[in-house]
Amino acid sequence: MLKNAKVNMDEHTNYKELVSQLRQELSGLQLKIRDKKLPVIVVFEGWSASGKGSLIAEMIKYLDPRFFKVHSFLPATPSEMRYPLLNRFWKDIPEYGKMLIMDRSWYQELAIARMEEDISSKEYNGRVKAVNTFERQLSDDGYLIIKLFLNISKEEQAQRFEKLCDNDDKSWRVTKLDKKRHKHYDEYFDAFDDMTEKTNTAYAPWNIIDATDKTFAKYQMFHIITESITKALEEKRRPNPVNEVFPLLTMPELADISLDDKALSPDEYGEQLKKCQKELSKLHNRLYRAKIPMIIAFEGWDAAGKGGAIKRIASALDPRGYEAVPIAAPDKTELAHHYLWRFWNHIPKTGHIAIFDRTWYGRVMVEKIEGFTSPQRCGQAYNEINEFEKELTDSSIIIVKFWLQIDKDEQLKRFTERQNTPEKQWKITDEDWRNREKWDSYEAAVNEMLCRTSSAYAPWNVIEANDKLYARIKVLKTVINAINDRLDDAK
């Protein structure tokens, strides 16, 4: 794409005057961004000494600092490398109505990594796919992504390096790595060209800026940004097409699952619990040493026993190596982001375990049934969730998903017991009773969820939970088996 980028500068145009006009226009657009709750991400990429810092400074000069943030992304630290590739970028996406201006971005994980980290072609293409998916998910949620690549020739870069090196106060800006990249300019050019070509999409296109003349570069930047924002504010956004088909497993309907014959005596339970917890404790140590992260995700009917099962898992784990994440209704800050944002904030690092008490599946259950989210966005969520879980498993995370199944009579029995027991009354709310009235709607939603998101890499495990003792042991054994399977594969 860089090879074909031709931007002609008109010698008779007063670009300095146009820059002044466009700067004022951008200042006015910022108010509209805030009022329309349009989240904007502006990505600055390009050659060293191409002027990224100067253009960012020009861009924000008259913007309200309360509604934008500038983030300069350095190479990932050893700590950040313990998480999935895009984790640190997901955490930094802006709230609706605000702007994030990025001095370098996730694109450092593509062309630069290909040149300097010796990643394989398979790994590179996987990263390209992950980035395109990430940008499409943000676009589908209403984010505007403006990508700018500042292009200068090898000769122009050499002149700028020389000028910087001649200035004692600025010479530090030209590093040994910059000089190495300049020496291999043509090879890096080909890598950048391939990267921009493969990530140039309808929802997040690349804009190549000829940065040779600094005033003309300012004009191009302001023109692209103001035009992109104006268009986004005026047009009705449509979902972007998704072509990927995920390998899904056949799942039974909830009504077809037998519950009555799944039970354990207290003695059997006590014996198996001790054995399972001892085994899980050993496996947690092995996971840590092998640097394998794990997510255990719990969904199920109200009063199905999620809390009890989580306690039996947690009591077998080293408390320094796991986090239990209770998921309630999203708060004000969470509602101001893409719905997956709050879950990305709790992804475990290598060797650690995250236990989710309810999950991202609320999007296709409670949000769908209660009308908290538009039908269009709920429909898109099935694919987004499959992509999300694929991204996690591609990052070596083990995902074990549980649906705890009880019947309607058992739920009523447990609700009544909670309501009539003073020390348990906090567990029962008016909302629980309201949800029970919509049992049939929820059952249909769960059946669709199981059918559309039980993938080969992150399958659902339906646990017969009318008997709590049986359910807890089956959950523990399922977790143990998942860990053993991964450790066996790693040998």
Protein backbone atom coordinates (compact mmCIF):
# COMPACT_ATOMS: atom_id res chain seq x y z
CA MET A 1 0.00 0.00 0.00
CA LEU A 2 2.90 2.37 0.70
CA LYS A 3 4.25 1.72 -2.79
CA ASN A 4 1.09 3.05 -4.39
CA ALA A 5 0.56 6.01 -2.05
CA LYS A 6 0.89 9.21 -4.09
CA VAL A 7 -0.02 12.51 -2.45
CA ASN A 8 0.52 15.60 -4.59
CA MET A 9 1.23 18.94 -2.94
CA ASP A 10 -0.15 21.99 -4.76
CA GLU A 11 2.41 24.78 -4.76
CA HIS A 12 -0.31 27.41 -5.11
CA THR A 13 -2.37 26.33 -2.08
CA ASN A 14 -1.96 28.15 1.23
CA TYR A 15 -1.77 25.08 3.45
CA LYS A 16 -0.91 27.10 6.53
CA GLU A 17 -4.24 28.91 6.30
CA LEU A 18 -6.11 25.65 5.67
CA VAL A 19 -4.46 24.10 8.74
CA SER A 20 -5.70 26.98 10.87
CA GLN A 21 -9.26 26.52 9.59
CA LEU A 22 -9.23 22.77 10.03
CA ARG A 23 -7.82 23.04 13.54
CA GLN A 24 -10.78 25.20 14.53
CA GLU A 25 -13.14 22.77 12.84
CA LEU A 26 -11.68 19.87 14.85
CA SER A 27 -12.17 21.83 18.06
CA GLY A 28 -15.87 22.20 17.24
CA LEU A 29 -16.17 18.55 16.26
CA GLN A 30 -14.88 17.52 19.67
CA LEU A 31 -18.07 18.91 21.24
CA LYS A 32 -20.18 16.91 18.81
CA ILE A 33 -18.15 13.77 19.57
CA ARG A 34 -18.94 14.24 23.25
CA ASP A 35 -22.65 14.99 22.68
CA LYS A 36 -23.13 12.08 20.26
CA LYS A 37 -21.01 9.78 22.47
CA LEU A 38 -18.82 8.84 19.53
CA PRO A 39 -15.61 7.12 20.70
CA VAL A 40 -12.64 8.00 18.48
CA ILE A 41 -9.23 6.32 18.23
CA VAL A 42 -6.54 8.07 16.19
CA VAL A 43 -3.53 5.87 15.47
CA PHE A 44 -0.22 7.46 14.51
CA GLU A 45 2.29 5.09 12.93
CA GLY A 46 5.22 5.69 10.61
CA TRP A 47 8.97 6.05 10.29
CA SER A 48 11.22 7.33 13.06
CA ALA A 49 11.67 11.13 12.70
CA SER A 50 8.60 11.35 10.44
CA GLY A 51 6.97 13.85 12.83
CA LYS A 52 4.44 11.81 14.85
CA GLY A 53 5.07 13.74 18.05
CA SER A 54 4.87 17.13 16.34
CA LEU A 55 1.61 16.28 14.58
CA ILE A 56 0.03 14.99 17.78
CA ALA A 57 1.03 18.22 19.54
CA GLU A 58 -0.57 20.22 16.71
CA MET A 59 -3.71 18.11 16.80
CA ILE A 60 -4.43 18.56 20.50
CA LYS A 61 -3.42 22.22 20.76
CA TYR A 62 -7.01 23.51 20.92
CA LEU A 63 -8.83 20.42 22.15
CA ASP A 64 -10.45 20.13 25.59
CA PRO A 65 -8.03 17.95 27.59
CA ARG A 66 -10.89 16.50 29.66
CA PHE A 67 -12.13 14.53 26.69
CA PHE A 68 -9.02 13.08 25.12
CA LYS A 69 -5.98 11.10 26.16
CA VAL A 70 -2.63 10.68 24.43
CA HIS A 71 -0.92 7.35 24.96
CA SER A 72 2.56 6.53 23.73
CA PHE A 73 2.87 2.78 23.38
CA LEU A 74 6.32 1.36 23.97
CA PRO A 75 7.28 -2.27 23.33
CA ALA A 76 5.52 -4.64 25.71
CA THR A 77 7.19 -5.05 29.09
CA PRO A 78 7.93 -8.55 30.47
CA SER A 79 4.85 -8.15 32.68
CA GLU A 80 2.62 -7.18 29.73
CA MET A 81 3.94 -10.12 27.73
CA ARG A 82 2.33 -12.46 30.28
CA TYR A 83 -1.08 -11.52 28.84
CA PRO A 84 -2.66 -12.01 25.40
CA LEU A 85 -1.26 -9.81 22.64
CA LEU A 86 -4.10 -7.28 22.52
CA ASN A 87 -4.87 -7.22 26.24
CA ARG A 88 -3.06 -3.95 26.97
CA PHE A 89 -4.73 -2.23 24.03
CA TRP A 90 -8.22 -3.40 25.00
CA LYS A 91 -7.67 -1.97 28.47
CA ASP A 92 -6.91 1.48 27.04
CA ILE A 93 -9.82 1.95 24.62
CA PRO A 94 -11.62 5.27 25.24
CA GLU A 95 -15.05 5.79 26.73
CA TYR A 96 -17.93 6.71 24.46
CA GLY A 97 -17.67 10.41 23.63
CA LYS A 98 -13.91 10.63 24.17
CA MET A 99 -10.78 10.39 22.04
CA LEU A 100 -7.67 8.26 22.35
CA ILE A 101 -4.65 9.51 20.39
CA MET A 102 -2.00 6.83 20.01
CA ASP A 103 1.67 7.46 19.40
CA ARG A 104 2.29 3.98 18.00
CA SER A 105 -0.14 1.18 18.66
CA TRP A 106 -0.88 -2.52 18.25
CA TYR A 107 0.82 -2.27 14.87
CA GLN A 108 4.19 -2.50 16.61
CA GLU A 109 3.22 -6.14 17.15
CA LEU A 110 3.07 -6.74 13.38
CA ALA A 111 5.72 -5.35 10.97
CA ILE A 112 8.25 -4.43 13.65
CA ALA A 113 7.82 -7.77 15.40
CA ARG A 114 8.16 -9.57 12.09
CA MET A 115 11.46 -7.82 11.44
CA GLU A 116 12.92 -7.88 14.94
CA GLU A 117 11.35 -10.72 16.93
CA ASP A 118 11.76 -13.43 14.32
CA ILE A 119 8.10 -14.46 14.54
CA SER A 120 6.95 -17.06 12.04
CA SER A 121 4.72 -16.31 9.05
CA LYS A 122 1.96 -18.25 10.80
CA GLU A 123 2.30 -16.14 13.95
CA TYR A 124 2.42 -12.94 11.88
CA ASN A 125 -0.72 -13.82 9.93
CA GLY A 126 -2.45 -14.78 13.17
CA ARG A 127 -1.63 -11.38 14.60
CA VAL A 128 -2.91 -9.66 11.47
CA LYS A 129 -6.18 -11.54 11.80
CA ALA A 130 -6.43 -10.68 15.51
CA VAL A 131 -5.90 -6.97 14.80
CA ASN A 132 -8.50 -6.93 12.02
CA THR A 133 -10.97 -8.68 14.33
CA PHE A 134 -10.21 -6.25 17.17
CA GLU A 135 -10.81 -3.23 14.94
CA ARG A 136 -13.98 -4.71 13.47
CA GLN A 137 -15.41 -5.41 16.93
CA LEU A 138 -14.75 -1.83 17.98
CA SER A 139 -16.24 -0.52 14.73
CA ASP A 140 -19.38 -2.62 15.20
CA ASP A 141 -19.76 -1.04 18.65
CA GLY A 142 -19.63 2.46 17.15
CA TYR A 143 -15.93 3.27 17.51
CA LEU A 144 -14.29 5.38 14.83
CA ILE A 145 -10.71 4.26 14.10
CA ILE A 146 -8.54 6.69 12.11
CA LYS A 147 -5.18 5.21 11.12
CA LEU A 148 -2.37 7.45 9.89
CA PHE A 149 0.97 6.26 8.55
CA LEU A 150 3.59 9.00 8.22
CA ASN A 151 5.79 8.20 5.24
CA ILE A 152 9.17 9.71 4.41
CA SER A 153 11.93 8.56 2.07
CA LYS A 154 15.20 7.05 3.21
CA GLU A 155 17.00 10.22 2.14
CA GLU A 156 14.62 12.46 4.07
CA GLN A 157 14.99 10.31 7.19
CA ALA A 158 18.79 10.47 6.92
CA GLN A 159 18.67 14.28 6.76
CA ARG A 160 16.42 14.49 9.80
CA PHE A 161 18.61 12.08 11.78
CA GLU A 162 21.66 14.18 10.94
CA LYS A 163 19.93 17.39 12.04
CA LEU A 164 18.84 15.81 15.32
CA CYS A 165 22.29 14.39 16.03
CA ASP A 166 23.85 17.82 15.50
CA ASN A 167 21.70 19.19 18.34
CA ASP A 168 22.99 18.27 21.81
CA ASP A 169 19.50 18.57 23.29
CA LYS A 170 17.89 16.34 20.67
CA SER A 171 20.54 13.80 19.72
CA TRP A 172 19.15 11.30 22.25
CA ARG A 173 16.09 10.92 20.03
CA VAL A 174 18.07 9.00 17.44
CA THR A 175 18.79 5.60 18.95
CA LYS A 176 20.97 2.73 17.81
CA LEU A 177 17.79 0.91 16.86
CA ASP A 178 16.67 3.85 14.71
CA LYS A 179 19.99 3.76 12.88
CA LYS A 180 19.73 0.00 12.39
CA ARG A 181 16.23 0.35 10.92
CA HIS A 182 17.42 3.15 8.65
CA LYS A 183 20.24 0.95 7.37
CA HIS A 184 17.65 -1.67 6.39
CA TYR A 185 15.06 0.89 5.23
CA ASP A 186 14.05 -1.06 2.12
CA GLU A 187 13.34 -4.24 4.08
CA TYR A 188 11.29 -2.35 6.66
CA PHE A 189 9.47 -0.55 3.83
CA ASP A 190 8.38 -3.90 2.40
CA ALA A 191 7.25 -5.05 5.86
CA PHE A 192 5.24 -1.85 6.44
CA ASP A 193 3.76 -2.12 2.96
CA ASP A 194 2.59 -5.67 3.59
CA MET A 195 1.21 -4.74 7.00
CA THR A 196 -0.82 -1.78 5.76
CA GLU A 197 -2.11 -3.79 2.79
CA LYS A 198 -3.34 -6.65 4.98
CA THR A 199 -4.94 -4.40 7.59
CA ASN A 200 -6.54 -1.87 5.24
CA THR A 201 -10.24 -2.55 5.81
CA ALA A 202 -13.46 -0.72 5.06
CA TYR A 203 -14.08 -0.16 8.77
CA ALA A 204 -10.49 0.93 9.60
CA PRO A 205 -8.70 2.08 6.45
CA TRP A 206 -5.13 3.31 6.36
CA ASN A 207 -4.36 6.91 5.44
CA ILE A 208 -0.81 7.37 4.14
CA ILE A 209 0.54 10.86 4.85
CA ASP A 210 3.44 12.27 2.85
CA ALA A 211 5.36 13.81 5.76
CA THR A 212 8.22 15.32 3.72
CA ASP A 213 6.84 18.85 4.05
CA LYS A 214 5.76 19.49 7.62
CA THR A 215 3.04 22.04 6.83
CA PHE A 216 1.56 19.81 4.15
CA ALA A 217 1.66 16.91 6.63
CA LYS A 218 -0.35 18.97 9.13
CA TYR A 219 -2.91 19.75 6.46
CA GLN A 220 -3.28 16.10 5.48
CA MET A 221 -3.67 15.06 9.12
CA PHE A 222 -6.34 17.65 9.96
CA HIS A 223 -8.17 17.07 6.69
CA ILE A 224 -8.33 13.28 7.20
CA ILE A 225 -9.36 13.51 10.85
CA THR A 226 -12.04 16.17 10.41
CA GLU A 227 -13.47 14.49 7.33
CA SER A 228 -13.57 11.08 9.05
CA ILE A 229 -15.25 12.42 12.19
CA THR A 230 -17.80 14.46 10.21
CA LYS A 231 -18.73 11.40 8.18
CA ALA A 232 -19.02 9.19 11.26
CA LEU A 233 -21.28 11.71 13.00
CA GLU A 234 -23.58 11.94 10.01
CA GLU A 235 -23.87 8.37 8.78
CA LYS A 236 -25.75 5.47 10.30
CA ARG A 237 -23.24 2.76 11.12
CA ARG A 238 -23.93 -0.73 9.81
CA PRO A 239 -22.49 -4.03 11.05
CA ASN A 240 -19.44 -5.20 9.17
CA PRO A 241 -19.64 -8.59 7.43
CA VAL A 242 -18.02 -11.57 9.14
CA ASN A 243 -17.01 -14.57 7.07
CA GLU A 244 -15.38 -16.83 9.64
CA VAL A 245 -17.16 -20.06 10.58
CA PHE A 246 -16.32 -21.48 13.99
CA PRO A 247 -16.20 -25.22 14.74
CA LEU A 248 -19.20 -25.82 16.98
CA LEU A 249 -20.20 -28.89 18.95
CA THR A 250 -23.69 -30.38 19.10
CA MET A 251 -25.36 -29.55 22.42
CA PRO A 252 -28.47 -31.09 24.00
CA GLU A 253 -31.54 -29.04 24.81
CA LEU A 254 -31.81 -28.28 28.53
CA ALA A 255 -35.17 -30.05 28.71
CA ASP A 256 -33.54 -33.27 27.49
CA ILE A 257 -30.94 -33.42 30.26
CA SER A 258 -31.75 -35.96 32.99
CA LEU A 259 -31.22 -34.56 36.49
CA ASP A 260 -32.87 -37.02 38.90
CA ASP A 261 -30.29 -39.82 38.70
CA LYS A 262 -27.30 -37.56 39.36
CA ALA A 263 -26.64 -37.58 43.11
CA LEU A 264 -23.99 -38.44 45.71
CA SER A 265 -24.30 -39.45 49.35
CA PRO A 266 -22.55 -37.21 51.90
CA ASP A 267 -19.95 -39.91 52.51
CA GLU A 268 -19.20 -40.32 48.81
CA TYR A 269 -19.04 -36.57 48.45
CA GLY A 270 -16.63 -36.10 51.35
CA GLU A 271 -14.28 -38.78 50.06
CA GLN A 272 -14.27 -37.50 46.46
CA LEU A 273 -14.00 -33.85 47.49
CA LYS A 274 -10.82 -34.48 49.46
CA LYS A 275 -9.30 -36.44 46.59
CA CYS A 276 -10.23 -33.89 43.91
CA GLN A 277 -9.03 -30.88 45.87
CA LYS A 278 -5.71 -32.53 46.58
CA GLU A 279 -5.26 -33.26 42.88
CA LEU A 280 -6.31 -29.74 41.84
CA SER A 281 -3.84 -28.20 44.28
CA LYS A 282 -0.98 -30.13 42.66
CA LEU A 283 -2.14 -29.23 39.18
CA HIS A 284 -2.29 -25.53 40.05
CA ASN A 285 1.42 -25.67 40.88
CA ARG A 286 2.13 -27.40 37.59
CA LEU A 287 0.13 -24.78 35.68
CA TYR A 288 2.18 -22.04 37.30
CA ARG A 289 5.47 -23.69 36.44
CA ALA A 290 4.33 -24.29 32.87
CA LYS A 291 3.13 -20.64 32.62
CA ILE A 292 -0.31 -21.74 31.40
CA PRO A 293 -3.22 -19.39 32.27
CA MET A 294 -6.76 -20.62 32.84
CA ILE A 295 -10.28 -19.19 32.86
CA ILE A 296 -13.12 -21.00 34.64
CA ALA A 297 -16.45 -19.45 33.66
CA PHE A 298 -19.70 -20.10 35.54
CA GLU A 299 -23.22 -19.52 34.27
CA GLY A 300 -26.44 -21.14 35.41
CA TRP A 301 -29.87 -20.63 36.86
CA ASP A 302 -30.27 -18.44 39.93
CA ALA A 303 -29.64 -20.64 43.03
CA ALA A 304 -28.06 -23.37 40.89
CA GLY A 305 -25.00 -23.55 43.15
CA LYS A 306 -22.38 -21.49 41.33
CA GLY A 307 -21.06 -19.98 44.55
CA GLY A 308 -20.70 -23.33 46.26
CA ALA A 309 -18.83 -24.84 43.31
CA ILE A 310 -16.51 -21.82 43.13
CA LYS A 311 -15.71 -22.13 46.83
CA ARG A 312 -14.69 -25.78 46.42
CA ILE A 313 -12.37 -24.87 43.54
CA ALA A 314 -10.88 -21.82 45.26
CA SER A 315 -10.15 -23.64 48.52
CA ALA A 316 -7.86 -26.02 46.58
CA LEU A 317 -5.86 -23.23 44.92
CA ASP A 318 -2.92 -21.13 46.05
CA PRO A 319 -4.56 -17.77 46.90
CA ARG A 320 -1.65 -15.94 45.28
CA GLY A 321 -2.40 -17.56 41.94
CA TYR A 322 -6.10 -17.00 41.27
CA GLU A 323 -8.76 -14.31 41.19
CA ALA A 324 -12.50 -14.81 41.66
CA VAL A 325 -14.38 -12.25 39.55
CA PRO A 326 -18.05 -11.63 40.48
CA ILE A 327 -19.92 -10.10 37.55
CA ALA A 328 -22.92 -7.93 38.36
CA ALA A 329 -24.78 -5.35 36.27
CA PRO A 330 -22.22 -3.06 34.55
CA ASP A 331 -21.49 0.21 36.33
CA LYS A 332 -21.38 3.66 34.70
CA THR A 333 -17.77 3.33 33.54
CA GLU A 334 -18.29 -0.18 32.16
CA LEU A 335 -21.38 0.93 30.25
CA ALA A 336 -19.26 3.64 28.61
CA HIS A 337 -17.03 1.03 26.91
CA HIS A 338 -17.37 -1.93 24.58
CA TYR A 339 -19.02 -4.66 26.68
CA LEU A 340 -15.98 -6.95 26.45
CA TRP A 341 -13.73 -4.25 27.96
CA ARG A 342 -14.49 -5.14 31.56
CA PHE A 343 -13.71 -8.79 30.94
CA TRP A 344 -10.40 -8.01 29.26
CA ASN A 345 -9.50 -6.21 32.49
CA HIS A 346 -9.64 -9.52 34.36
CA ILE A 347 -7.85 -11.85 31.94
CA PRO A 348 -5.29 -13.91 33.93
CA LYS A 349 -1.57 -13.68 33.31
CA THR A 350 0.53 -16.75 32.58
CA GLY A 351 0.31 -19.40 35.30
CA HIS A 352 -2.73 -17.80 36.98
CA ILE A 353 -6.43 -18.68 37.10
CA ALA A 354 -9.47 -16.38 36.81
CA ILE A 355 -12.82 -17.72 38.05
CA PHE A 356 -15.78 -15.78 36.66
CA ASP A 357 -19.05 -15.89 38.59
CA ARG A 358 -21.20 -14.99 35.58
CA THR A 359 -19.59 -13.80 32.41
CA TRP A 360 -19.75 -12.09 29.02
CA TYR A 361 -22.70 -14.34 28.24
CA GLY A 362 -24.98 -11.87 29.99
CA ARG A 363 -25.06 -10.09 26.62
CA VAL A 364 -27.07 -12.94 25.05
CA MET A 365 -29.19 -13.73 28.10
CA VAL A 366 -30.25 -11.01 30.55
CA GLU A 367 -29.37 -8.08 28.24
CA LYS A 368 -31.22 -9.72 25.39
CA ILE A 369 -34.31 -10.75 27.32
CA GLU A 370 -34.64 -7.59 29.41
CA GLY A 371 -34.03 -5.33 26.40
CA PHE A 372 -30.96 -3.64 27.90
CA THR A 373 -29.13 -3.96 24.56
CA SER A 374 -30.43 -3.63 21.01
CA PRO A 375 -31.37 -6.87 19.21
CA GLN A 376 -28.75 -6.12 16.55
CA ARG A 377 -25.89 -5.91 19.06
CA CYS A 378 -27.12 -8.99 20.91
CA GLY A 379 -27.16 -10.89 17.62
CA GLN A 380 -23.60 -9.83 16.85
CA ALA A 381 -22.46 -10.98 20.28
CA TYR A 382 -22.46 -14.69 19.44
CA ASN A 383 -19.77 -14.17 16.85
CA GLU A 384 -17.88 -11.67 19.02
CA ILE A 385 -17.84 -14.13 21.91
CA ASN A 386 -16.53 -16.94 19.71
CA GLU A 387 -13.82 -14.57 18.46
CA PHE A 388 -13.02 -13.45 22.00
CA GLU A 389 -12.62 -17.00 23.25
CA LYS A 390 -10.61 -17.97 20.17
CA GLU A 391 -8.24 -15.08 20.82
CA LEU A 392 -7.81 -16.29 24.41
CA THR A 393 -7.25 -19.92 23.52
CA ASP A 394 -4.81 -18.91 20.77
CA SER A 395 -2.90 -17.20 23.59
CA SER A 396 -2.65 -20.59 25.36
CA ILE A 397 -5.41 -19.87 27.90
CA ILE A 398 -7.45 -22.89 28.99
CA ILE A 399 -11.16 -22.00 29.02
CA VAL A 400 -13.60 -24.18 30.95
CA LYS A 401 -17.23 -23.04 30.74
CA PHE A 402 -19.99 -24.36 33.02
CA TRP A 403 -23.76 -24.10 32.80
CA LEU A 404 -25.28 -25.33 36.09
CA GLN A 405 -28.65 -26.86 35.29
CA ILE A 406 -31.49 -27.30 37.78
CA ASP A 407 -35.19 -27.70 37.14
CA LYS A 408 -37.90 -25.21 38.01
CA ASP A 409 -39.11 -27.13 41.06
CA GLU A 410 -35.63 -27.34 42.56
CA GLN A 411 -35.15 -23.60 42.05
CA LEU A 412 -38.43 -22.86 43.85
CA LYS A 413 -37.34 -25.11 46.72
CA ARG A 414 -34.03 -23.24 47.06
CA PHE A 415 -35.63 -19.81 46.73
CA THR A 416 -38.12 -20.68 49.48
CA GLU A 417 -35.36 -21.99 51.75
CA ARG A 418 -33.35 -18.82 51.29
CA GLN A 419 -36.35 -16.61 51.96
CA ASN A 420 -37.24 -18.52 55.15
CA THR A 421 -33.69 -18.68 56.52
CA PRO A 422 -32.55 -15.35 58.05
CA GLU A 423 -28.84 -15.88 57.41
CA LYS A 424 -29.56 -16.71 53.73
CA GLN A 425 -32.09 -14.00 52.94
CA TRP A 426 -29.40 -11.77 51.41
CA LYS A 427 -29.07 -14.36 48.64
CA ILE A 428 -32.65 -13.86 47.38
CA THR A 429 -33.89 -10.66 45.71
CA ASP A 430 -37.02 -9.42 43.99
CA GLU A 431 -35.08 -9.66 40.75
CA ASP A 432 -34.59 -13.40 41.28
CA TRP A 433 -38.36 -13.86 41.51
CA ARG A 434 -38.90 -11.69 38.40
CA ASN A 435 -36.37 -13.73 36.46
CA ARG A 436 -38.15 -16.90 37.49
CA GLU A 437 -41.34 -15.64 35.87
CA LYS A 438 -39.42 -15.52 32.59
CA TRP A 439 -38.07 -19.07 32.90
CA ASP A 440 -39.25 -20.14 29.44
CA SER A 441 -37.68 -17.10 27.75
CA TYR A 442 -34.40 -17.66 29.56
CA GLU A 443 -34.42 -21.38 28.73
CA ALA A 444 -34.82 -20.60 25.03
CA ALA A 445 -31.98 -18.04 25.22
CA VAL A 446 -29.70 -20.51 27.01
CA ASN A 447 -30.40 -23.23 24.45
CA GLU A 448 -29.47 -20.83 21.65
CA MET A 449 -26.35 -19.73 23.56
CA LEU A 450 -25.18 -23.32 24.08
CA CYS A 451 -25.83 -24.15 20.44
CA ARG A 452 -24.03 -21.11 19.00
CA THR A 453 -21.05 -20.79 21.36
CA SER A 454 -20.00 -24.31 22.30
CA SER A 455 -16.87 -24.33 20.19
CA ALA A 456 -14.27 -27.05 19.81
CA TYR A 457 -11.74 -24.82 21.59
CA ALA A 458 -14.09 -23.58 24.36
CA PRO A 459 -16.93 -26.10 24.79
CA TRP A 460 -19.77 -25.79 27.26
CA ASN A 461 -20.01 -28.25 30.15
CA VAL A 462 -23.59 -28.67 31.33
CA ILE A 463 -23.59 -29.76 34.97
CA GLU A 464 -26.59 -31.59 36.41
CA ALA A 465 -27.00 -29.57 39.61
CA ASN A 466 -30.24 -30.63 41.28
CA ASP A 467 -27.91 -32.37 43.74
CA LYS A 468 -25.30 -29.82 44.88
CA LEU A 469 -22.86 -32.47 46.04
CA TYR A 470 -22.85 -34.24 42.69
CA ALA A 471 -22.49 -30.91 40.83
CA ARG A 472 -19.48 -29.78 42.86
CA ILE A 473 -17.60 -33.02 42.25
CA LYS A 474 -18.38 -33.02 38.54
CA VAL A 475 -17.16 -29.42 38.27
CA LEU A 476 -13.90 -30.27 40.05
CA LYS A 477 -13.30 -33.34 37.90
CA THR A 478 -13.99 -31.35 34.72
CA VAL A 479 -11.44 -28.71 35.72
CA ILE A 480 -8.89 -31.39 36.60
CA ASN A 481 -9.39 -33.16 33.28
CA ALA A 482 -9.01 -29.90 31.32
CA ILE A 483 -5.70 -29.13 33.04
CA ASN A 484 -4.39 -32.66 32.58
CA ASP A 485 -5.31 -32.59 28.89
CA ARG A 486 -3.36 -29.37 28.35
CA LEU A 487 -0.34 -30.55 30.35
CA ASP A 488 -0.30 -33.80 28.34
CA ASP A 489 -0.41 -31.80 25.09
CA ALA A 490 2.50 -29.68 26.30
CA LYS A 491 4.78 -32.68 26.84
